[in-house]
Amino acid sequence: MATTTSNPIDFAALALGPVTEGGVGLRGPLGLGKSAVVAAVAERTGKRMLDIRLSLFTEDDIIKHVGTSFAPPDWLHTACAEPCVLFFAEAERADHNTQRAVAQLVRGRELRGWRLHPGTRVFVAVVNHSPELLGALGVVYDLVPPLPCNPTGVVV
């Protein structure tokens, strides 16, 4: 079960602290800057950001089979092979089965035998309450405007 907090985000802890078991949820209104928060974490850690817009996926895109074998998507290959920032956006707009597959990956850091690299950080962005996904996360930040920014407008 996720711990929900409306406390200010400690960006240094998100970027440099230990990888959060179960991932980190960012909940807030459209256009708030959830993607910018995750991009800042990727930049600060020097890790590649894999931006997965779940509203564009179906369950078959996540858990695709070729014949009887699981055919993982390219982003899963990367997230398992190297430390990166895996960002699932638009999560509540995905169909229920896609949400379940992502929740399984977030909760167990594994999907069909493919284990995420220990240095891979997982973030899930939602606008509204999404019980299946939020329940799989280690911590959920309820974001409210304005988010702290540096003078260039980049979230830090």
Protein backbone atom coordinates (compact mmCIF):
# COMPACT_ATOMS: atom_id res chain seq x y z
CA MET A 1 0.00 0.00 0.00
CA ALA A 2 1.33 3.40 -0.98
CA THR A 3 2.22 6.09 1.49
CA THR A 4 0.59 9.33 0.31
CA THR A 5 2.16 12.64 1.12
CA SER A 6 1.47 16.23 0.18
CA ASN A 7 4.79 17.30 1.66
CA PRO A 8 7.17 19.08 -0.70
CA ILE A 9 9.08 16.69 -2.92
CA ASP A 10 12.69 16.12 -1.93
CA PHE A 11 14.12 16.07 -5.44
CA ALA A 12 17.58 15.11 -4.21
CA ALA A 13 16.14 12.05 -2.47
CA LEU A 14 14.18 11.08 -5.60
CA ALA A 15 17.25 11.51 -7.78
CA LEU A 16 20.10 10.36 -5.56
CA GLY A 17 18.53 8.33 -2.76
CA PRO A 18 17.96 4.59 -2.86
CA VAL A 19 15.63 3.26 -5.54
CA THR A 20 12.12 3.27 -4.03
CA GLU A 21 10.66 -0.22 -3.81
CA GLY A 22 7.37 -0.15 -5.66
CA GLY A 23 8.14 3.09 -7.47
CA VAL A 24 7.00 6.66 -6.94
CA GLY A 25 3.62 8.06 -7.88
CA LEU A 26 3.05 11.65 -8.86
CA ARG A 27 -0.60 12.72 -8.70
CA GLY A 28 -1.75 16.14 -9.81
CA PRO A 29 -3.73 18.11 -12.37
CA LEU A 30 -3.00 18.15 -16.09
CA GLY A 31 -0.19 20.50 -17.05
CA LEU A 32 1.24 20.71 -13.54
CA GLY A 33 4.70 19.42 -14.47
CA LYS A 34 4.76 15.76 -13.43
CA SER A 35 6.77 14.92 -16.55
CA ALA A 36 9.17 17.77 -15.80
CA VAL A 37 9.77 16.38 -12.29
CA VAL A 38 10.71 13.00 -13.74
CA ALA A 39 12.86 14.59 -16.47
CA ALA A 40 14.72 16.53 -13.77
CA VAL A 41 15.38 13.30 -11.86
CA ALA A 42 16.71 11.66 -15.05
CA GLU A 43 18.93 14.65 -15.79
CA ARG A 44 20.24 14.86 -12.23
CA THR A 45 21.11 11.15 -12.20
CA GLY A 46 22.48 11.13 -15.74
CA LYS A 47 20.09 8.31 -16.61
CA ARG A 48 18.10 7.84 -19.77
CA MET A 49 14.39 8.61 -19.36
CA LEU A 50 11.94 6.16 -20.93
CA ASP A 51 8.65 8.06 -21.28
CA ILE A 52 5.80 5.56 -21.73
CA ARG A 53 2.39 7.14 -22.44
CA LEU A 54 0.08 4.37 -21.28
CA SER A 55 -2.99 5.91 -22.93
CA LEU A 56 -1.44 4.87 -26.26
CA PHE A 57 -0.95 1.22 -25.25
CA THR A 58 -3.10 -1.86 -24.96
CA GLU A 59 -2.40 -4.92 -22.86
CA ASP A 60 -1.01 -6.63 -25.99
CA ASP A 61 1.58 -3.86 -26.32
CA ILE A 62 2.80 -4.55 -22.78
CA ILE A 63 2.43 -8.34 -22.61
CA LYS A 64 2.88 -9.28 -26.26
CA HIS A 65 3.37 -12.89 -27.26
CA VAL A 66 4.87 -14.24 -30.46
CA GLY A 67 3.63 -17.78 -30.68
CA THR A 68 3.97 -19.04 -27.13
CA SER A 69 6.90 -16.80 -26.17
CA PHE A 70 6.73 -13.45 -24.37
CA ALA A 71 8.04 -10.67 -26.63
CA PRO A 72 8.91 -7.78 -24.32
CA PRO A 73 8.69 -4.23 -25.69
CA ASP A 74 11.94 -2.38 -26.42
CA TRP A 75 11.57 -0.12 -23.38
CA LEU A 76 11.45 -3.18 -21.09
CA HIS A 77 14.66 -4.52 -22.66
CA THR A 78 16.33 -1.20 -21.84
CA ALA A 79 14.91 -0.90 -18.30
CA CYS A 80 16.21 -4.39 -17.51
CA ALA A 81 19.61 -4.00 -19.15
CA GLU A 82 20.68 -0.61 -17.81
CA PRO A 83 19.80 1.80 -15.01
CA CYS A 84 17.28 4.31 -16.31
CA VAL A 85 14.25 6.33 -15.29
CA LEU A 86 11.09 4.50 -16.36
CA PHE A 87 8.14 6.90 -16.48
CA PHE A 88 4.57 5.70 -17.00
CA ALA A 89 2.43 8.73 -17.83
CA GLU A 90 -1.31 9.03 -18.48
CA ALA A 91 -1.78 5.90 -16.40
CA GLU A 92 -5.42 6.37 -15.50
CA ARG A 93 -6.30 6.67 -19.21
CA ALA A 94 -4.98 3.18 -19.97
CA ASP A 95 -7.38 0.25 -20.13
CA HIS A 96 -7.77 -1.89 -17.02
CA ASN A 97 -5.62 -4.81 -18.25
CA THR A 98 -2.77 -2.47 -19.20
CA GLN A 99 -2.95 -0.90 -15.73
CA ARG A 100 -2.81 -4.37 -14.16
CA ALA A 101 0.27 -5.34 -16.19
CA VAL A 102 2.05 -2.11 -15.24
CA ALA A 103 1.05 -2.53 -11.58
CA GLN A 104 2.61 -6.01 -11.65
CA LEU A 105 5.85 -4.57 -13.06
CA VAL A 106 5.87 -1.70 -10.57
CA ARG A 107 5.06 -3.86 -7.54
CA GLY A 108 7.44 -6.73 -8.24
CA ARG A 109 9.99 -4.98 -10.51
CA GLU A 110 9.53 -7.93 -12.83
CA LEU A 111 7.28 -8.83 -15.73
CA ARG A 112 7.15 -12.33 -17.21
CA GLY A 113 10.67 -13.14 -16.02
CA TRP A 114 12.18 -9.82 -17.11
CA ARG A 115 13.60 -8.12 -13.99
CA LEU A 116 14.24 -4.38 -13.91
CA HIS A 117 17.85 -3.31 -13.46
CA PRO A 118 18.47 -2.57 -9.74
CA GLY A 119 19.30 1.05 -10.65
CA THR A 120 16.12 1.65 -12.65
CA ARG A 121 13.79 4.16 -11.00
CA VAL A 122 10.06 3.84 -11.71
CA PHE A 123 7.61 6.75 -11.70
CA VAL A 124 3.87 6.67 -12.44
CA ALA A 125 1.91 9.86 -13.15
CA VAL A 126 -1.84 10.04 -12.58
CA VAL A 127 -4.33 12.88 -12.61
CA ASN A 128 -7.04 11.21 -10.57
CA HIS A 129 -7.31 8.27 -8.21
CA SER A 130 -6.23 5.03 -9.92
CA PRO A 131 -6.51 2.31 -7.24
CA GLU A 132 -4.80 -0.50 -9.17
CA LEU A 133 -1.68 1.53 -9.90
CA LEU A 134 -1.51 3.66 -6.77
CA GLY A 135 -1.78 0.56 -4.60
CA ALA A 136 1.34 -0.87 -6.26
CA LEU A 137 3.50 2.17 -5.51
CA GLY A 138 5.83 2.68 -2.57
CA VAL A 139 5.03 6.39 -2.15
CA VAL A 140 2.62 8.80 -3.86
CA TYR A 141 3.17 12.54 -3.92
CA ASP A 142 0.04 14.69 -4.24
CA LEU A 143 1.32 17.66 -6.21
CA VAL A 144 -0.29 21.08 -6.06
CA PRO A 145 0.70 24.18 -7.99
CA PRO A 146 3.03 25.86 -8.06
CA LEU A 147 5.93 23.41 -8.20
CA PRO A 148 9.32 24.85 -7.17
CA CYS A 149 11.30 25.95 -10.22
CA ASN A 150 14.65 27.53 -10.85
CA PRO A 151 14.79 30.83 -12.79
CA THR A 152 14.83 29.00 -16.14
CA GLY A 153 11.54 27.30 -15.33
CA VAL A 154 13.01 23.82 -15.03
CA VAL A 155 11.78 21.89 -12.03
CA VAL A 156 14.69 21.14 -9.70
